[in-house]
Amino acid sequence: MHEISNQLHFAEHSLQEVALIFMAIVYTLRVVWLVRFKAGKERQPATGLAGTTPRKGILYSWANIAMPWAMESTRKNFFIYVQFAIFHIGVVSAITLSFFIPYAPNLMANPVLITVFQISIGGAFIVGVMRIIRRSTVKVMRHISTPDDYFSLLLLTVWFGFAFFAVPNQPQNGETALVVYFWLTAFFLVYVPFSKISHYLYYPFTRYYFGKSMGYRGVYPMVRKG
């Protein structure tokens, strides 16, 4: 196996580990703060179909992200949902890559795995470019976008680009892509908890309370006729 430089070793290990610990501490503090707030009690009797319960509502609400037919916005704009799926699969792949390269480098010798990573991350890069164009050219998107939206999206797209070239994990052919990829990964680990990207942290909590309330009221899970 090719011996890597001290710079790359630092970026792959010490830098990532410190950034991960920092993110874990910040997220733990935020979750502790979140659970301090108790949801208000329902002020109306349970209504709706007898088979609809708060528990079923919670499970349905959590699964909603994987059911594009359940929301009008994704049902009418399925291509946008496809972009959403590709983009987030790429995020998962790029994060997984940051663990595989330093801690399971032998896996990165598998050509099938390399292809899977490059397809998923490359697809996310293309979607990222499309999202930048859409956010910059569509009037409605420009009005609701903040500097953090543009910065986060641009940086994520750049991150995908370097992750794509880092996938083969061949430092003997040049370490630049690997070093930049790991520095960007560390930056995101520190930056994300303070950015709008951290919305995924709230998803389990918001969907839990929404599903519980709507299940109690008898409208979740939704029942479609015809």
Protein backbone atom coordinates (compact mmCIF):
# COMPACT_ATOMS: atom_id res chain seq x y z
CA MET A 1 0.00 0.00 0.00
CA HIS A 2 1.29 3.45 -0.90
CA GLU A 3 2.63 5.45 2.05
CA ILE A 4 0.70 8.68 2.43
CA SER A 5 2.15 12.03 3.44
CA ASN A 6 1.87 13.47 6.94
CA GLN A 7 -0.48 16.13 5.58
CA LEU A 8 -2.93 13.57 4.20
CA HIS A 9 -2.67 11.39 7.30
CA PHE A 10 -3.52 14.40 9.48
CA ALA A 11 -6.49 15.32 7.28
CA GLU A 12 -7.83 11.75 7.24
CA HIS A 13 -7.45 11.05 10.95
CA SER A 14 -6.73 13.77 13.53
CA LEU A 15 -8.62 16.53 11.71
CA GLN A 16 -11.69 14.34 11.09
CA GLU A 17 -11.75 12.96 14.62
CA VAL A 18 -11.60 16.41 16.23
CA ALA A 19 -14.32 17.70 13.90
CA LEU A 20 -16.53 14.67 14.62
CA ILE A 21 -16.14 15.12 18.38
CA PHE A 22 -17.00 18.80 18.06
CA MET A 23 -20.12 18.05 16.00
CA ALA A 24 -21.21 15.33 18.44
CA ILE A 25 -20.92 17.74 21.39
CA VAL A 26 -22.86 20.49 19.62
CA TYR A 27 -25.59 18.09 18.48
CA THR A 28 -25.88 16.56 21.94
CA LEU A 29 -26.38 20.02 23.46
CA ARG A 30 -28.99 20.87 20.84
CA VAL A 31 -30.93 17.64 21.35
CA VAL A 32 -30.86 18.14 25.14
CA TRP A 33 -32.23 21.64 24.57
CA LEU A 34 -34.91 20.34 22.19
CA VAL A 35 -36.28 17.68 24.53
CA ARG A 36 -36.78 20.28 27.26
CA PHE A 37 -39.84 21.53 25.37
CA LYS A 38 -42.91 19.37 25.84
CA ALA A 39 -45.63 19.25 23.22
CA GLY A 40 -48.97 20.71 24.23
CA LYS A 41 -51.84 18.37 25.03
CA GLU A 42 -54.64 17.86 22.54
CA ARG A 43 -57.71 19.91 23.43
CA GLN A 44 -60.24 18.00 21.36
CA PRO A 45 -61.56 14.45 21.53
CA ALA A 46 -59.96 11.87 19.26
CA THR A 47 -61.69 11.93 15.90
CA GLY A 48 -61.54 10.21 12.52
CA LEU A 49 -61.28 6.58 11.59
CA ALA A 50 -60.94 4.06 14.38
CA GLY A 51 -57.88 2.47 12.73
CA THR A 52 -55.92 5.73 12.79
CA THR A 53 -53.90 6.15 15.98
CA PRO A 54 -51.12 8.44 17.22
CA ARG A 55 -48.62 5.58 16.88
CA LYS A 56 -49.60 4.90 13.26
CA GLY A 57 -49.52 8.63 12.62
CA ILE A 58 -45.97 8.89 13.97
CA LEU A 59 -44.71 5.99 11.82
CA TYR A 60 -46.48 7.38 8.75
CA SER A 61 -45.03 10.83 9.38
CA TRP A 62 -41.48 9.50 9.75
CA ALA A 63 -41.84 7.49 6.53
CA ASN A 64 -43.28 10.45 4.65
CA ILE A 65 -39.86 11.37 3.24
CA ALA A 66 -39.80 8.10 1.28
CA MET A 67 -43.37 8.47 -0.01
CA PRO A 68 -43.43 11.13 -2.73
CA TRP A 69 -47.05 10.25 -3.52
CA ALA A 70 -48.10 11.30 0.00
CA MET A 71 -47.39 15.02 -0.46
CA GLU A 72 -48.91 17.26 -3.12
CA SER A 73 -45.63 19.12 -3.73
CA THR A 74 -43.68 15.96 -4.61
CA ARG A 75 -46.64 14.27 -6.28
CA LYS A 76 -46.92 17.14 -8.78
CA ASN A 77 -43.15 17.68 -9.11
CA PHE A 78 -41.74 14.17 -9.11
CA PHE A 79 -38.57 15.26 -10.93
CA ILE A 80 -37.75 17.58 -8.02
CA TYR A 81 -38.18 14.64 -5.66
CA VAL A 82 -35.84 12.53 -7.81
CA GLN A 83 -33.25 15.31 -7.54
CA PHE A 84 -33.79 15.40 -3.78
CA ALA A 85 -33.20 11.64 -3.53
CA ILE A 86 -30.06 11.67 -5.72
CA PHE A 87 -28.63 14.63 -3.82
CA HIS A 88 -29.11 13.09 -0.40
CA ILE A 89 -27.88 9.66 -1.48
CA GLY A 90 -24.75 11.47 -2.62
CA VAL A 91 -24.42 13.12 0.79
CA VAL A 92 -24.62 9.72 2.50
CA SER A 93 -22.08 8.27 0.05
CA ALA A 94 -19.62 11.14 0.52
CA ILE A 95 -19.89 10.88 4.31
CA THR A 96 -19.45 7.10 4.21
CA LEU A 97 -16.40 7.58 2.00
CA SER A 98 -14.76 9.71 4.71
CA PHE A 99 -14.83 6.66 7.00
CA PHE A 100 -13.98 3.99 4.43
CA ILE A 101 -10.81 5.62 3.10
CA PRO A 102 -8.97 6.02 6.43
CA TYR A 103 -10.43 3.11 8.40
CA ALA A 104 -11.29 0.49 5.75
CA PRO A 105 -8.97 1.27 2.80
CA ASN A 106 -9.04 -2.33 1.58
CA LEU A 107 -12.71 -1.88 0.66
CA MET A 108 -11.73 0.89 -1.73
CA ALA A 109 -9.82 -1.63 -3.83
CA ASN A 110 -13.16 -3.10 -4.94
CA PRO A 111 -13.95 -1.74 -8.44
CA VAL A 112 -17.69 -2.30 -7.96
CA LEU A 113 -17.71 -0.21 -4.77
CA ILE A 114 -15.66 2.49 -6.46
CA THR A 115 -18.21 2.61 -9.29
CA VAL A 116 -21.13 2.82 -6.83
CA PHE A 117 -19.49 5.69 -4.97
CA GLN A 118 -18.63 7.60 -8.14
CA ILE A 119 -22.11 7.19 -9.64
CA SER A 120 -23.90 8.32 -6.47
CA ILE A 121 -21.51 11.18 -5.73
CA GLY A 122 -21.24 12.21 -9.39
CA GLY A 123 -25.04 12.26 -9.62
CA ALA A 124 -25.23 14.45 -6.54
CA PHE A 125 -22.68 16.85 -8.06
CA ILE A 126 -24.82 17.21 -11.21
CA VAL A 127 -27.94 17.82 -9.11
CA GLY A 128 -26.00 20.35 -7.03
CA VAL A 129 -25.13 22.31 -10.19
CA MET A 130 -28.78 22.15 -11.29
CA ARG A 131 -29.91 23.41 -7.89
CA ILE A 132 -27.47 26.32 -7.99
CA ILE A 133 -28.80 27.33 -11.41
CA ARG A 134 -32.42 26.95 -10.30
CA ARG A 135 -31.89 28.91 -7.09
CA SER A 136 -30.14 31.69 -9.02
CA THR A 137 -32.52 31.96 -11.97
CA VAL A 138 -36.01 31.18 -10.64
CA LYS A 139 -37.48 34.38 -9.22
CA VAL A 140 -39.38 32.68 -6.37
CA MET A 141 -36.27 30.75 -5.30
CA ARG A 142 -34.17 33.93 -5.28
CA HIS A 143 -36.67 35.66 -3.02
CA ILE A 144 -36.72 32.89 -0.40
CA SER A 145 -32.97 32.15 -0.49
CA THR A 146 -30.51 33.41 2.10
CA PRO A 147 -26.72 33.78 1.84
CA ASP A 148 -26.43 30.57 3.87
CA ASP A 149 -28.51 28.73 1.24
CA TYR A 150 -26.16 29.77 -1.55
CA PHE A 151 -23.00 29.19 0.48
CA SER A 152 -24.07 25.76 1.72
CA LEU A 153 -25.25 24.58 -1.70
CA LEU A 154 -22.14 25.84 -3.48
CA LEU A 155 -19.81 24.31 -0.94
CA LEU A 156 -21.66 20.99 -0.96
CA THR A 157 -21.40 20.85 -4.73
CA VAL A 158 -17.66 21.56 -4.61
CA TRP A 159 -17.35 18.89 -1.91
CA PHE A 160 -19.05 16.36 -4.18
CA GLY A 161 -16.62 17.24 -6.94
CA PHE A 162 -13.54 16.55 -4.82
CA ALA A 163 -15.17 13.45 -3.28
CA PHE A 164 -15.71 12.06 -6.79
CA PHE A 165 -12.00 12.29 -7.57
CA ALA A 166 -11.02 11.06 -4.10
CA VAL A 167 -13.03 7.84 -4.48
CA PRO A 168 -10.33 5.63 -6.05
CA ASN A 169 -8.13 6.45 -3.02
CA GLN A 170 -4.90 6.42 -4.99
CA PRO A 171 -2.61 8.95 -3.31
CA GLN A 172 0.28 7.69 -5.40
CA ASN A 173 -1.35 9.50 -8.33
CA GLY A 174 -1.61 12.75 -6.38
CA GLU A 175 -3.01 13.68 -2.97
CA THR A 176 -4.63 17.04 -3.78
CA ALA A 177 -8.19 15.75 -4.27
CA LEU A 178 -7.97 13.61 -1.13
CA VAL A 179 -6.54 16.41 1.04
CA VAL A 180 -9.10 18.99 -0.14
CA TYR A 181 -11.95 16.49 0.24
CA PHE A 182 -11.02 15.72 3.87
CA TRP A 183 -10.52 19.37 4.76
CA LEU A 184 -13.92 20.19 3.30
CA THR A 185 -15.44 17.27 5.20
CA ALA A 186 -13.96 18.55 8.47
CA PHE A 187 -15.24 22.05 7.71
CA PHE A 188 -18.76 20.73 7.17
CA LEU A 189 -18.68 18.76 10.41
CA VAL A 190 -17.99 22.02 12.25
CA TYR A 191 -20.18 24.30 10.13
CA VAL A 192 -23.30 22.20 9.59
CA PRO A 193 -24.65 22.33 13.17
CA PHE A 194 -24.83 26.14 12.84
CA SER A 195 -26.26 26.22 9.32
CA LYS A 196 -29.63 25.48 7.73
CA ILE A 197 -28.23 22.12 6.65
CA SER A 198 -28.87 20.96 10.21
CA HIS A 199 -32.60 20.72 9.40
CA TYR A 200 -32.19 16.93 9.31
CA LEU A 201 -31.54 17.04 13.06
CA TYR A 202 -35.07 18.34 13.62
CA TYR A 203 -36.80 15.93 11.23
CA PRO A 204 -37.37 13.07 13.72
CA PHE A 205 -38.73 15.49 16.33
CA THR A 206 -41.00 17.62 14.13
CA ARG A 207 -42.39 14.62 12.25
CA TYR A 208 -42.93 12.78 15.55
CA TYR A 209 -45.09 15.54 17.03
CA PHE A 210 -46.90 16.21 13.76
CA GLY A 211 -47.67 12.52 13.21
CA LYS A 212 -48.79 12.03 16.80
CA SER A 213 -51.13 15.01 16.65
CA MET A 214 -52.55 14.15 13.23
CA GLY A 215 -52.91 10.49 14.21
CA TYR A 216 -54.83 11.53 17.28
CA ARG A 217 -57.12 13.65 15.12
CA GLY A 218 -57.70 10.74 12.77
CA VAL A 219 -56.17 12.13 9.60
CA TYR A 220 -52.82 10.29 9.66
CA PRO A 221 -52.18 7.89 8.02
CA MET A 222 -54.09 9.40 5.13
CA VAL A 223 -56.74 7.27 3.49
CA ARG A 224 -57.32 7.81 -0.20
CA LYS A 225 -60.55 6.81 -1.91
CA GLY A 226 -60.75 5.55 -5.44
